[in-house]
Amino acid sequence: LEAVGVNNTYLYQFTHLPPFCPWPDGQRFCCNYTCHGDEIPYVFFDSGAGFPWTFTGPDAALAQAMSAYWASFAAYGDPNQYNALGGGAQWPAYRAASDTNMNLGWPLATVTGLK
């Protein structure tokens, strides 16, 4: 994408094992693993469990950071705008040369070598 002038690309990997299983019966095999889509409850700060279930501890901190990243990206095209106000980890724009991406686990970290 950089070759055609797209510079606001952000790459992530979600590695946090949720404390609940958000999957329906046909996909329960993902319950003890981090699967594609497990990040969605964190993005929307919603466990999907019955009220009044809430995120606590590291799950709440991760959900807060992730929801701020996504809202900031939607509003500004940059996931760092809202988190910069609270001192959150800076999510670098993806560049092929550095291959740096955000590891959305807890604690948040930037890493290289996403497979």
PDB file of N, CA and C in Angstrom:
ATOM      1  N   LEU A   1       0.798  -1.198   0.000  1.00  0.00           N
ATOM      2  CA  LEU A   1       0.000   0.000   0.000  1.00  0.00           C
ATOM      3  C   LEU A   1       0.845   1.268   0.000  1.00  0.00           C
ATOM      4  N   GLU A   2       1.988   1.191   0.641  1.00  0.00           N
ATOM      5  CA  GLU A   2       2.850   2.371   0.673  1.00  0.00           C
ATOM      6  C   GLU A   2       3.239   2.818  -0.732  1.00  0.00           C
ATOM      7  N   ALA A   3       3.437   1.856  -1.635  1.00  0.00           N
ATOM      8  CA  ALA A   3       3.873   2.161  -2.995  1.00  0.00           C
ATOM      9  C   ALA A   3       2.868   3.022  -3.753  1.00  0.00           C
ATOM     10  N   VAL A   4       1.599   2.962  -3.366  1.00  0.00           N
ATOM     11  CA  VAL A   4       0.572   3.770  -4.028  1.00  0.00           C
ATOM     12  C   VAL A   4       0.136   4.957  -3.176  1.00  0.00           C
ATOM     13  N   GLY A   5       0.884   5.248  -2.110  1.00  0.00           N
ATOM     14  CA  GLY A   5       0.631   6.435  -1.311  1.00  0.00           C
ATOM     15  C   GLY A   5      -0.316   6.271  -0.137  1.00  0.00           C
ATOM     16  N   VAL A   6      -0.675   5.046   0.214  1.00  0.00           N
ATOM     17  CA  VAL A   6      -1.540   4.821   1.374  1.00  0.00           C
ATOM     18  C   VAL A   6      -0.641   4.674   2.601  1.00  0.00           C
ATOM     19  N   ASN A   7      -0.706   5.640   3.499  1.00  0.00           N
ATOM     20  CA  ASN A   7       0.179   5.640   4.662  1.00  0.00           C
ATOM     21  C   ASN A   7      -0.540   5.488   5.996  1.00  0.00           C
ATOM     22  N   ASN A   8      -1.850   5.397   5.979  1.00  0.00           N
ATOM     23  CA  ASN A   8      -2.584   5.271   7.242  1.00  0.00           C
ATOM     24  C   ASN A   8      -3.140   3.852   7.395  1.00  0.00           C
ATOM     25  N   THR A   9      -2.243   2.883   7.270  1.00  0.00           N
ATOM     26  CA  THR A   9      -2.595   1.477   7.462  1.00  0.00           C
ATOM     27  C   THR A   9      -2.058   1.040   8.818  1.00  0.00           C
ATOM     28  N   TYR A  10      -2.886   0.350   9.586  1.00  0.00           N
ATOM     29  CA  TYR A  10      -2.500  -0.081  10.925  1.00  0.00           C
ATOM     30  C   TYR A  10      -2.757  -1.571  11.042  1.00  0.00           C
ATOM     31  N   LEU A  11      -1.743  -2.331  11.421  1.00  0.00           N
ATOM     32  CA  LEU A  11      -1.822  -3.783  11.510  1.00  0.00           C
ATOM     33  C   LEU A  11      -1.825  -4.193  12.980  1.00  0.00           C
ATOM     34  N   TYR A  12      -2.637  -5.197  13.293  1.00  0.00           N
ATOM     35  CA  TYR A  12      -2.663  -5.685  14.671  1.00  0.00           C
ATOM     36  C   TYR A  12      -2.815  -7.193  14.701  1.00  0.00           C
ATOM     37  N   GLN A  13      -2.476  -7.735  15.847  1.00  0.00           N
ATOM     38  CA  GLN A  13      -2.787  -9.119  16.166  1.00  0.00           C
ATOM     39  C   GLN A  13      -3.403  -9.124  17.553  1.00  0.00           C
ATOM     40  N   PHE A  14      -4.497  -9.848  17.686  1.00  0.00           N
ATOM     41  CA  PHE A  14      -5.180  -9.946  18.977  1.00  0.00           C
ATOM     42  C   PHE A  14      -4.764 -11.272  19.596  1.00  0.00           C
ATOM     43  N   THR A  15      -4.104 -11.222  20.733  1.00  0.00           N
ATOM     44  CA  THR A  15      -3.552 -12.428  21.350  1.00  0.00           C
ATOM     45  C   THR A  15      -4.103 -12.719  22.741  1.00  0.00           C
ATOM     46  N   HIS A  16      -5.058 -11.934  23.190  1.00  0.00           N
ATOM     47  CA  HIS A  16      -5.593 -12.072  24.545  1.00  0.00           C
ATOM     48  C   HIS A  16      -6.692 -13.140  24.585  1.00  0.00           C
ATOM     49  N   LEU A  17      -6.554 -14.111  25.451  1.00  0.00           N
ATOM     50  CA  LEU A  17      -7.582 -15.141  25.614  1.00  0.00           C
ATOM     51  C   LEU A  17      -8.696 -14.583  26.489  1.00  0.00           C
ATOM     52  N   PRO A  18      -9.911 -14.424  25.925  1.00  0.00           N
ATOM     53  CA  PRO A  18     -11.015 -13.858  26.711  1.00  0.00           C
ATOM     54  C   PRO A  18     -11.390 -14.753  27.895  1.00  0.00           C
ATOM     55  N   PRO A  19     -11.896 -14.166  28.977  1.00  0.00           N
ATOM     56  CA  PRO A  19     -12.296 -14.955  30.148  1.00  0.00           C
ATOM     57  C   PRO A  19     -13.666 -15.609  29.965  1.00  0.00           C
ATOM     58  N   PHE A  20     -14.283 -15.410  28.824  1.00  0.00           N
ATOM     59  CA  PHE A  20     -15.590 -15.983  28.519  1.00  0.00           C
ATOM     60  C   PHE A  20     -15.524 -16.535  27.103  1.00  0.00           C
ATOM     61  N   CYS A  21     -16.454 -17.366  26.729  1.00  0.00           N
ATOM     62  CA  CYS A  21     -16.498 -17.895  25.377  1.00  0.00           C
ATOM     63  C   CYS A  21     -17.643 -17.229  24.625  1.00  0.00           C
ATOM     64  N   PRO A  22     -17.321 -16.353  23.645  1.00  0.00           N
ATOM     65  CA  PRO A  22     -18.370 -15.641  22.927  1.00  0.00           C
ATOM     66  C   PRO A  22     -18.979 -16.435  21.767  1.00  0.00           C
ATOM     67  N   TRP A  23     -18.516 -17.650  21.566  1.00  0.00           N
ATOM     68  CA  TRP A  23     -18.905 -18.407  20.380  1.00  0.00           C
ATOM     69  C   TRP A  23     -20.149 -19.268  20.590  1.00  0.00           C
ATOM     70  N   PRO A  24     -20.987 -19.394  19.550  1.00  0.00           N
ATOM     71  CA  PRO A  24     -22.167 -20.274  19.631  1.00  0.00           C
ATOM     72  C   PRO A  24     -21.734 -21.741  19.610  1.00  0.00           C
ATOM     73  N   ASP A  25     -22.663 -22.623  19.872  1.00  0.00           N
ATOM     74  CA  ASP A  25     -22.365 -24.055  20.009  1.00  0.00           C
ATOM     75  C   ASP A  25     -21.552 -24.629  18.861  1.00  0.00           C
ATOM     76  N   GLY A  26     -21.830 -24.248  17.632  1.00  0.00           N
ATOM     77  CA  GLY A  26     -21.125 -24.809  16.487  1.00  0.00           C
ATOM     78  C   GLY A  26     -19.679 -24.390  16.370  1.00  0.00           C
ATOM     79  N   GLN A  27     -19.269 -23.393  17.151  1.00  0.00           N
ATOM     80  CA  GLN A  27     -17.893 -22.902  17.087  1.00  0.00           C
ATOM     81  C   GLN A  27     -17.220 -22.907  18.454  1.00  0.00           C
ATOM     82  N   ARG A  28     -17.649 -23.762  19.335  1.00  0.00           N
ATOM     83  CA  ARG A  28     -17.098 -23.806  20.689  1.00  0.00           C
ATOM     84  C   ARG A  28     -15.629 -24.238  20.710  1.00  0.00           C
ATOM     85  N   PHE A  29     -15.121 -24.780  19.592  1.00  0.00           N
ATOM     86  CA  PHE A  29     -13.714 -25.169  19.527  1.00  0.00           C
ATOM     87  C   PHE A  29     -12.786 -23.980  19.726  1.00  0.00           C
ATOM     88  N   CYS A  30     -13.282 -22.775  19.560  1.00  0.00           N
ATOM     89  CA  CYS A  30     -12.465 -21.567  19.762  1.00  0.00           C
ATOM     90  C   CYS A  30     -12.420 -21.123  21.225  1.00  0.00           C
ATOM     91  N   CYS A  31     -13.144 -21.787  22.091  1.00  0.00           N
ATOM     92  CA  CYS A  31     -13.269 -21.302  23.469  1.00  0.00           C
ATOM     93  C   CYS A  31     -11.970 -21.284  24.259  1.00  0.00           C
ATOM     94  N   ASN A  32     -11.017 -22.119  23.944  1.00  0.00           N
ATOM     95  CA  ASN A  32      -9.762 -22.132  24.692  1.00  0.00           C
ATOM     96  C   ASN A  32      -8.596 -21.591  23.885  1.00  0.00           C
ATOM     97  N   TYR A  33      -8.920 -20.880  22.825  1.00  0.00           N
ATOM     98  CA  TYR A  33      -7.913 -20.310  21.944  1.00  0.00           C
ATOM     99  C   TYR A  33      -8.310 -18.872  21.616  1.00  0.00           C
ATOM    100  N   THR A  34      -7.378 -18.132  21.058  1.00  0.00           N
ATOM    101  CA  THR A  34      -7.706 -16.806  20.552  1.00  0.00           C
ATOM    102  C   THR A  34      -7.984 -16.969  19.068  1.00  0.00           C
ATOM    103  N   CYS A  35      -9.234 -16.801  18.678  1.00  0.00           N
ATOM    104  CA  CYS A  35      -9.651 -17.012  17.292  1.00  0.00           C
ATOM    105  C   CYS A  35     -10.041 -15.685  16.635  1.00  0.00           C
ATOM    106  N   HIS A  36     -10.104 -15.715  15.315  1.00  0.00           N
ATOM    107  CA  HIS A  36     -10.533 -14.556  14.543  1.00  0.00           C
ATOM    108  C   HIS A  36     -11.923 -14.132  15.017  1.00  0.00           C
ATOM    109  N   GLY A  37     -12.075 -12.902  15.391  1.00  0.00           N
ATOM    110  CA  GLY A  37     -13.354 -12.382  15.871  1.00  0.00           C
ATOM    111  C   GLY A  37     -13.419 -12.223  17.380  1.00  0.00           C
ATOM    112  N   ASP A  38     -12.488 -12.826  18.121  1.00  0.00           N
ATOM    113  CA  ASP A  38     -12.508 -12.684  19.583  1.00  0.00           C
ATOM    114  C   ASP A  38     -12.300 -11.246  20.033  1.00  0.00           C
ATOM    115  N   GLU A  39     -11.736 -10.411  19.167  1.00  0.00           N
ATOM    116  CA  GLU A  39     -11.488  -9.019  19.553  1.00  0.00           C
ATOM    117  C   GLU A  39     -12.739  -8.153  19.519  1.00  0.00           C
ATOM    118  N   ILE A  40     -13.786  -8.598  18.843  1.00  0.00           N
ATOM    119  CA  ILE A  40     -14.971  -7.756  18.647  1.00  0.00           C
ATOM    120  C   ILE A  40     -15.619  -7.312  19.967  1.00  0.00           C
ATOM    121  N   PRO A  41     -15.812  -8.199  20.959  1.00  0.00           N
ATOM    122  CA  PRO A  41     -16.383  -7.707  22.228  1.00  0.00           C
ATOM    123  C   PRO A  41     -15.529  -6.620  22.882  1.00  0.00           C
ATOM    124  N   TYR A  42     -14.221  -6.679  22.680  1.00  0.00           N
ATOM    125  CA  TYR A  42     -13.333  -5.667  23.258  1.00  0.00           C
ATOM    126  C   TYR A  42     -13.459  -4.346  22.514  1.00  0.00           C
ATOM    127  N   VAL A  43     -13.582  -4.419  21.198  1.00  0.00           N
ATOM    128  CA  VAL A  43     -13.728  -3.199  20.399  1.00  0.00           C
ATOM    129  C   VAL A  43     -14.972  -2.427  20.827  1.00  0.00           C
ATOM    130  N   PHE A  44     -16.066  -3.156  21.069  1.00  0.00           N
ATOM    131  CA  PHE A  44     -17.323  -2.510  21.441  1.00  0.00           C
ATOM    132  C   PHE A  44     -17.556  -2.509  22.950  1.00  0.00           C
ATOM    133  N   PHE A  45     -16.543  -2.935  23.725  1.00  0.00           N
ATOM    134  CA  PHE A  45     -16.610  -2.973  25.185  1.00  0.00           C
ATOM    135  C   PHE A  45     -17.868  -3.705  25.636  1.00  0.00           C
ATOM    136  N   ASP A  46     -18.127  -4.866  25.002  1.00  0.00           N
ATOM    137  CA  ASP A  46     -19.343  -5.633  25.259  1.00  0.00           C
ATOM    138  C   ASP A  46     -19.016  -7.111  25.260  1.00  0.00           C
ATOM    139  N   SER A  47     -19.178  -7.772  26.374  1.00  0.00           N
ATOM    140  CA  SER A  47     -18.854  -9.193  26.467  1.00  0.00           C
ATOM    141  C   SER A  47     -19.854 -10.068  25.735  1.00  0.00           C
ATOM    142  N   GLY A  48     -21.041  -9.544  25.462  1.00  0.00           N
ATOM    143  CA  GLY A  48     -22.075 -10.365  24.846  1.00  0.00           C
ATOM    144  C   GLY A  48     -22.793 -11.245  25.854  1.00  0.00           C
ATOM    145  N   ALA A  49     -22.299 -11.280  27.072  1.00  0.00           N
ATOM    146  CA  ALA A  49     -22.931 -12.079  28.120  1.00  0.00           C
ATOM    147  C   ALA A  49     -24.116 -11.312  28.693  1.00  0.00           C
ATOM    148  N   GLY A  50     -24.952 -12.037  29.391  1.00  0.00           N
ATOM    149  CA  GLY A  50     -26.117 -11.408  29.981  1.00  0.00           C
ATOM    150  C   GLY A  50     -25.771 -10.316  30.979  1.00  0.00           C
ATOM    151  N   PHE A  51     -26.583  -9.296  31.018  1.00  0.00           N
ATOM    152  CA  PHE A  51     -26.423  -8.212  31.968  1.00  0.00           C
ATOM    153  C   PHE A  51     -26.494  -8.779  33.379  1.00  0.00           C
ATOM    154  N   PRO A  52     -25.678  -8.385  34.312  1.00  0.00           N
ATOM    155  CA  PRO A  52     -24.771  -7.248  34.341  1.00  0.00           C
ATOM    156  C   PRO A  52     -23.303  -7.653  34.194  1.00  0.00           C
ATOM    157  N   TRP A  53     -22.990  -8.650  33.393  1.00  0.00           N
ATOM    158  CA  TRP A  53     -21.602  -9.058  33.213  1.00  0.00           C
ATOM    159  C   TRP A  53     -20.786  -7.897  32.680  1.00  0.00           C
ATOM    160  N   THR A  54     -19.627  -7.682  33.241  1.00  0.00           N
ATOM    161  CA  THR A  54     -18.767  -6.595  32.776  1.00  0.00           C
ATOM    162  C   THR A  54     -17.327  -7.085  32.708  1.00  0.00           C
ATOM    163  N   PHE A  55     -16.518  -6.419  31.907  1.00  0.00           N
ATOM    164  CA  PHE A  55     -15.087  -6.676  31.898  1.00  0.00           C
ATOM    165  C   PHE A  55     -14.503  -6.171  33.211  1.00  0.00           C
ATOM    166  N   THR A  56     -13.505  -6.858  33.732  1.00  0.00           N
ATOM    167  CA  THR A  56     -12.809  -6.411  34.940  1.00  0.00           C
ATOM    168  C   THR A  56     -11.308  -6.552  34.718  1.00  0.00           C
ATOM    169  N   GLY A  57     -10.539  -5.887  35.534  1.00  0.00           N
ATOM    170  CA  GLY A  57      -9.079  -6.005  35.513  1.00  0.00           C
ATOM    171  C   GLY A  57      -8.475  -5.754  34.147  1.00  0.00           C
ATOM    172  N   PRO A  58      -7.546  -6.626  33.731  1.00  0.00           N
ATOM    173  CA  PRO A  58      -6.883  -6.451  32.439  1.00  0.00           C
ATOM    174  C   PRO A  58      -7.854  -6.454  31.256  1.00  0.00           C
ATOM    175  N   ASP A  59      -8.945  -7.206  31.356  1.00  0.00           N
ATOM    176  CA  ASP A  59      -9.920  -7.222  30.265  1.00  0.00           C
ATOM    177  C   ASP A  59     -10.574  -5.855  30.098  1.00  0.00           C
ATOM    178  N   ALA A  60     -10.883  -5.194  31.196  1.00  0.00           N
ATOM    179  CA  ALA A  60     -11.472  -3.850  31.125  1.00  0.00           C
ATOM    180  C   ALA A  60     -10.473  -2.852  30.559  1.00  0.00           C
ATOM    181  N   ALA A  61      -9.218  -2.944  30.978  1.00  0.00           N
ATOM    182  CA  ALA A  61      -8.192  -2.029  30.467  1.00  0.00           C
ATOM    183  C   ALA A  61      -7.979  -2.246  28.969  1.00  0.00           C
ATOM    184  N   LEU A  62      -7.940  -3.501  28.545  1.00  0.00           N
ATOM    185  CA  LEU A  62      -7.765  -3.802  27.127  1.00  0.00           C
ATOM    186  C   LEU A  62      -8.967  -3.326  26.322  1.00  0.00           C
ATOM    187  N   ALA A  63     -10.171  -3.571  26.820  1.00  0.00           N
ATOM    188  CA  ALA A  63     -11.385  -3.126  26.128  1.00  0.00           C
ATOM    189  C   ALA A  63     -11.426  -1.601  26.028  1.00  0.00           C
ATOM    190  N   GLN A  64     -11.035  -0.912  27.073  1.00  0.00           N
ATOM    191  CA  GLN A  64     -11.011   0.550  27.049  1.00  0.00           C
ATOM    192  C   GLN A  64     -10.044   1.053  25.987  1.00  0.00           C
ATOM    193  N   ALA A  65      -8.848   0.487  25.960  1.00  0.00           N
ATOM    194  CA  ALA A  65      -7.849   0.905  24.971  1.00  0.00           C
ATOM    195  C   ALA A  65      -8.320   0.591  23.553  1.00  0.00           C
ATOM    196  N   MET A  66      -8.847  -0.614  23.344  1.00  0.00           N
ATOM    197  CA  MET A  66      -9.261  -1.006  22.001  1.00  0.00           C
ATOM    198  C   MET A  66     -10.437  -0.190  21.501  1.00  0.00           C
ATOM    199  N   SER A  67     -11.412   0.065  22.354  1.00  0.00           N
ATOM    200  CA  SER A  67     -12.556   0.869  21.914  1.00  0.00           C
ATOM    201  C   SER A  67     -12.108   2.287  21.581  1.00  0.00           C
ATOM    202  N   ALA A  68     -11.131   2.812  22.318  1.00  0.00           N
ATOM    203  CA  ALA A  68     -10.600   4.138  22.011  1.00  0.00           C
ATOM    204  C   ALA A  68      -9.827   4.121  20.692  1.00  0.00           C
ATOM    205  N   TYR A  69      -9.032   3.076  20.443  1.00  0.00           N
ATOM    206  CA  TYR A  69      -8.314   2.971  19.167  1.00  0.00           C
ATOM    207  C   TYR A  69      -9.284   2.977  17.989  1.00  0.00           C
ATOM    208  N   TRP A  70     -10.319   2.141  18.067  1.00  0.00           N
ATOM    209  CA  TRP A  70     -11.259   2.020  16.946  1.00  0.00           C
ATOM    210  C   TRP A  70     -12.057   3.310  16.745  1.00  0.00           C
ATOM    211  N   ALA A  71     -12.514   3.917  17.823  1.00  0.00           N
ATOM    212  CA  ALA A  71     -13.266   5.170  17.700  1.00  0.00           C
ATOM    213  C   ALA A  71     -12.378   6.277  17.140  1.00  0.00           C
ATOM    214  N   SER A  72     -11.146   6.327  17.587  1.00  0.00           N
ATOM    215  CA  SER A  72     -10.211   7.328  17.105  1.00  0.00           C
ATOM    216  C   SER A  72      -9.911   7.124  15.622  1.00  0.00           C
ATOM    217  N   PHE A  73      -9.742   5.873  15.218  1.00  0.00           N
ATOM    218  CA  PHE A  73      -9.483   5.606  13.801  1.00  0.00           C
ATOM    219  C   PHE A  73     -10.684   6.005  12.949  1.00  0.00           C
ATOM    220  N   ALA A  74     -11.893   5.711  13.434  1.00  0.00           N
ATOM    221  CA  ALA A  74     -13.103   6.077  12.694  1.00  0.00           C
ATOM    222  C   ALA A  74     -13.247   7.592  12.580  1.00  0.00           C
ATOM    223  N   ALA A  75     -12.914   8.310  13.633  1.00  0.00           N
ATOM    224  CA  ALA A  75     -13.086   9.763  13.642  1.00  0.00           C
ATOM    225  C   ALA A  75     -11.953  10.513  12.943  1.00  0.00           C
ATOM    226  N   TYR A  76     -10.721  10.021  13.091  1.00  0.00           N
ATOM    227  CA  TYR A  76      -9.557  10.783  12.626  1.00  0.00           C
ATOM    228  C   TYR A  76      -8.678  10.066  11.604  1.00  0.00           C
ATOM    229  N   GLY A  77      -8.931   8.764  11.367  1.00  0.00           N
ATOM    230  CA  GLY A  77      -8.046   8.007  10.479  1.00  0.00           C
ATOM    231  C   GLY A  77      -6.733   7.647  11.148  1.00  0.00           C
ATOM    232  N   ASP A  78      -6.680   7.810  12.459  1.00  0.00           N
ATOM    233  CA  ASP A  78      -5.479   7.536  13.253  1.00  0.00           C
ATOM    234  C   ASP A  78      -5.931   6.979  14.598  1.00  0.00           C
ATOM    235  N   PRO A  79      -5.553   5.752  14.940  1.00  0.00           N
ATOM    236  CA  PRO A  79      -6.027   5.162  16.198  1.00  0.00           C
ATOM    237  C   PRO A  79      -5.430   5.792  17.453  1.00  0.00           C
ATOM    238  N   ASN A  80      -4.469   6.652  17.306  1.00  0.00           N
ATOM    239  CA  ASN A  80      -3.765   7.196  18.465  1.00  0.00           C
ATOM    240  C   ASN A  80      -4.349   8.469  19.047  1.00  0.00           C
ATOM    241  N   GLN A  81      -5.267   9.122  18.391  1.00  0.00           N
ATOM    242  CA  GLN A  81      -5.754  10.419  18.853  1.00  0.00           C
ATOM    243  C   GLN A  81      -6.363  10.355  20.252  1.00  0.00           C
ATOM    244  N   TYR A  82      -7.276   9.429  20.500  1.00  0.00           N
ATOM    245  CA  TYR A  82      -7.903   9.340  21.819  1.00  0.00           C
ATOM    246  C   TYR A  82      -6.941   8.782  22.860  1.00  0.00           C
ATOM    247  N   ASN A  83      -6.172   7.774  22.512  1.00  0.00           N
ATOM    248  CA  ASN A  83      -5.248   7.182  23.473  1.00  0.00           C
ATOM    249  C   ASN A  83      -4.111   8.119  23.834  1.00  0.00           C
ATOM    250  N   ALA A  84      -3.754   9.007  22.931  1.00  0.00           N
ATOM    251  CA  ALA A  84      -2.694   9.971  23.241  1.00  0.00           C
ATOM    252  C   ALA A  84      -3.115  10.868  24.413  1.00  0.00           C
ATOM    253  N   LEU A  85      -4.399  11.147  24.524  1.00  0.00           N
ATOM    254  CA  LEU A  85      -4.893  11.984  25.612  1.00  0.00           C
ATOM    255  C   LEU A  85      -4.716  11.307  26.958  1.00  0.00           C
ATOM    256  N   GLY A  86      -4.844   9.980  26.986  1.00  0.00           N
ATOM    257  CA  GLY A  86      -4.735   9.244  28.239  1.00  0.00           C
ATOM    258  C   GLY A  86      -3.390   8.573  28.445  1.00  0.00           C
ATOM    259  N   GLY A  87      -2.446   8.829  27.552  1.00  0.00           N
ATOM    260  CA  GLY A  87      -1.120   8.235  27.705  1.00  0.00           C
ATOM    261  C   GLY A  87      -1.054   6.785  27.276  1.00  0.00           C
ATOM    262  N   GLY A  88      -1.988   6.330  26.450  1.00  0.00           N
ATOM    263  CA  GLY A  88      -1.991   4.943  25.997  1.00  0.00           C
ATOM    264  C   GLY A  88      -0.841   4.642  25.053  1.00  0.00           C
ATOM    265  N   ALA A  89      -0.624   3.364  24.821  1.00  0.00           N
ATOM    266  CA  ALA A  89       0.440   2.930  23.912  1.00  0.00           C
ATOM    267  C   ALA A  89       0.172   3.441  22.501  1.00  0.00           C
ATOM    268  N   GLN A  90       1.194   3.959  21.858  1.00  0.00           N
ATOM    269  CA  GLN A  90       1.066   4.470  20.500  1.00  0.00           C
ATOM    270  C   GLN A  90       1.115   3.315  19.500  1.00  0.00           C
ATOM    271  N   TRP A  91       0.143   3.274  18.604  1.00  0.00           N
ATOM    272  CA  TRP A  91       0.034   2.254  17.581  1.00  0.00           C
ATOM    273  C   TRP A  91       0.673   2.820  16.321  1.00  0.00           C
ATOM    274  N   PRO A  92       1.835   2.289  15.918  1.00  0.00           N
ATOM    275  CA  PRO A  92       2.513   2.851  14.756  1.00  0.00           C
ATOM    276  C   PRO A  92       1.816   2.489  13.449  1.00  0.00           C
ATOM    277  N   ALA A  93       1.860   3.399  12.494  1.00  0.00           N
ATOM    278  CA  ALA A  93       1.367   3.080  11.155  1.00  0.00           C
ATOM    279  C   ALA A  93       2.237   1.960  10.599  1.00  0.00           C
ATOM    280  N   TYR A  94       1.629   1.060   9.850  1.00  0.00           N
ATOM    281  CA  TYR A  94       2.375  -0.073   9.316  1.00  0.00           C
ATOM    282  C   TYR A  94       3.285   0.371   8.176  1.00  0.00           C
ATOM    283  N   ARG A  95       4.530  -0.061   8.251  1.00  0.00           N
ATOM    284  CA  ARG A  95       5.503   0.141   7.190  1.00  0.00           C
ATOM    285  C   ARG A  95       6.173  -1.202   6.930  1.00  0.00           C
ATOM    286  N   ALA A  96       6.234  -1.613   5.687  1.00  0.00           N
ATOM    287  CA  ALA A  96       6.808  -2.909   5.336  1.00  0.00           C
ATOM    288  C   ALA A  96       8.251  -3.038   5.818  1.00  0.00           C
ATOM    289  N   ALA A  97       8.998  -1.960   5.763  1.00  0.00           N
ATOM    290  CA  ALA A  97      10.411  -2.006   6.147  1.00  0.00           C
ATOM    291  C   ALA A  97      10.601  -2.363   7.623  1.00  0.00           C
ATOM    292  N   SER A  98       9.735  -1.851   8.481  1.00  0.00           N
ATOM    293  CA  SER A  98       9.875  -2.132   9.912  1.00  0.00           C
ATOM    294  C   SER A  98       9.005  -3.300  10.365  1.00  0.00           C
ATOM    295  N   ASP A  99       7.910  -3.561   9.647  1.00  0.00           N
ATOM    296  CA  ASP A  99       6.977  -4.652   9.947  1.00  0.00           C
ATOM    297  C   ASP A  99       6.443  -4.570  11.382  1.00  0.00           C
ATOM    298  N   THR A 100       6.308  -3.370  11.907  1.00  0.00           N
ATOM    299  CA  THR A 100       5.829  -3.190  13.277  1.00  0.00           C
ATOM    300  C   THR A 100       4.307  -3.178  13.303  1.00  0.00           C
ATOM    301  N   ASN A 101       3.743  -3.919  14.252  1.00  0.00           N
ATOM    302  CA  ASN A 101       2.292  -3.952  14.419  1.00  0.00           C
ATOM    303  C   ASN A 101       1.965  -3.948  15.904  1.00  0.00           C
ATOM    304  N   MET A 102       0.692  -3.739  16.208  1.00  0.00           N
ATOM    305  CA  MET A 102       0.253  -3.677  17.600  1.00  0.00           C
ATOM    306  C   MET A 102      -0.203  -5.063  18.048  1.00  0.00           C
ATOM    307  N   ASN A 103       0.363  -5.521  19.154  1.00  0.00           N
ATOM    308  CA  ASN A 103      -0.098  -6.761  19.767  1.00  0.00           C
ATOM    309  C   ASN A 103      -1.159  -6.366  20.789  1.00  0.00           C
ATOM    310  N   LEU A 104      -2.410  -6.658  20.444  1.00  0.00           N
ATOM    311  CA  LEU A 104      -3.526  -6.333  21.338  1.00  0.00           C
ATOM    312  C   LEU A 104      -3.737  -7.496  22.300  1.00  0.00           C
ATOM    313  N   GLY A 105      -2.850  -7.581  23.244  1.00  0.00           N
ATOM    314  CA  GLY A 105      -2.922  -8.486  24.375  1.00  0.00           C
ATOM    315  C   GLY A 105      -2.781  -7.602  25.594  1.00  0.00           C
ATOM    316  N   TRP A 106      -2.515  -8.177  26.743  1.00  0.00           N
ATOM    317  CA  TRP A 106      -2.284  -7.304  27.882  1.00  0.00           C
ATOM    318  C   TRP A 106      -1.013  -7.698  28.560  1.00  0.00           C
ATOM    319  N   PRO A 107      -0.056  -6.793  28.705  1.00  0.00           N
ATOM    320  CA  PRO A 107      -0.140  -5.390  28.346  1.00  0.00           C
ATOM    321  C   PRO A 107       0.011  -5.185  26.837  1.00  0.00           C
ATOM    322  N   LEU A 108      -0.423  -4.025  26.360  1.00  0.00           N
ATOM    323  CA  LEU A 108      -0.282  -3.667  24.955  1.00  0.00           C
ATOM    324  C   LEU A 108       1.202  -3.563  24.605  1.00  0.00           C
ATOM    325  N   ALA A 109       1.546  -3.952  23.383  1.00  0.00           N
ATOM    326  CA  ALA A 109       2.933  -3.863  22.962  1.00  0.00           C
ATOM    327  C   ALA A 109       3.025  -3.779  21.450  1.00  0.00           C
ATOM    328  N   THR A 110       4.055  -3.142  20.947  1.00  0.00           N
ATOM    329  CA  THR A 110       4.316  -3.188  19.525  1.00  0.00           C
ATOM    330  C   THR A 110       5.316  -4.310  19.291  1.00  0.00           C
ATOM    331  N   VAL A 111       5.106  -5.044  18.199  1.00  0.00           N
ATOM    332  CA  VAL A 111       5.940  -6.202  17.882  1.00  0.00           C
ATOM    333  C   VAL A 111       6.202  -6.228  16.387  1.00  0.00           C
ATOM    334  N   THR A 112       7.091  -7.099  15.968  1.00  0.00           N
ATOM    335  CA  THR A 112       7.341  -7.318  14.548  1.00  0.00           C
ATOM    336  C   THR A 112       7.183  -8.799  14.246  1.00  0.00           C
ATOM    337  N   GLY A 113       7.090  -9.112  12.967  1.00  0.00           N
ATOM    338  CA  GLY A 113       7.052 -10.509  12.558  1.00  0.00           C
ATOM    339  C   GLY A 113       5.692 -11.181  12.684  1.00  0.00           C
ATOM    340  N   LEU A 114       4.616 -10.459  12.392  1.00  0.00           N
ATOM    341  CA  LEU A 114       3.294 -11.071  12.444  1.00  0.00           C
ATOM    342  C   LEU A 114       3.226 -12.197  11.426  1.00  0.00           C
ATOM    343  N   LYS A 115       2.756 -13.348  11.869  1.00  0.00           N
ATOM    344  CA  LYS A 115       2.614 -14.502  10.970  1.00  0.00           C
ATOM    345  C   LYS A 115       1.172 -14.819  10.794  1.00  0.00           C
TER     346      LYS A 115
END
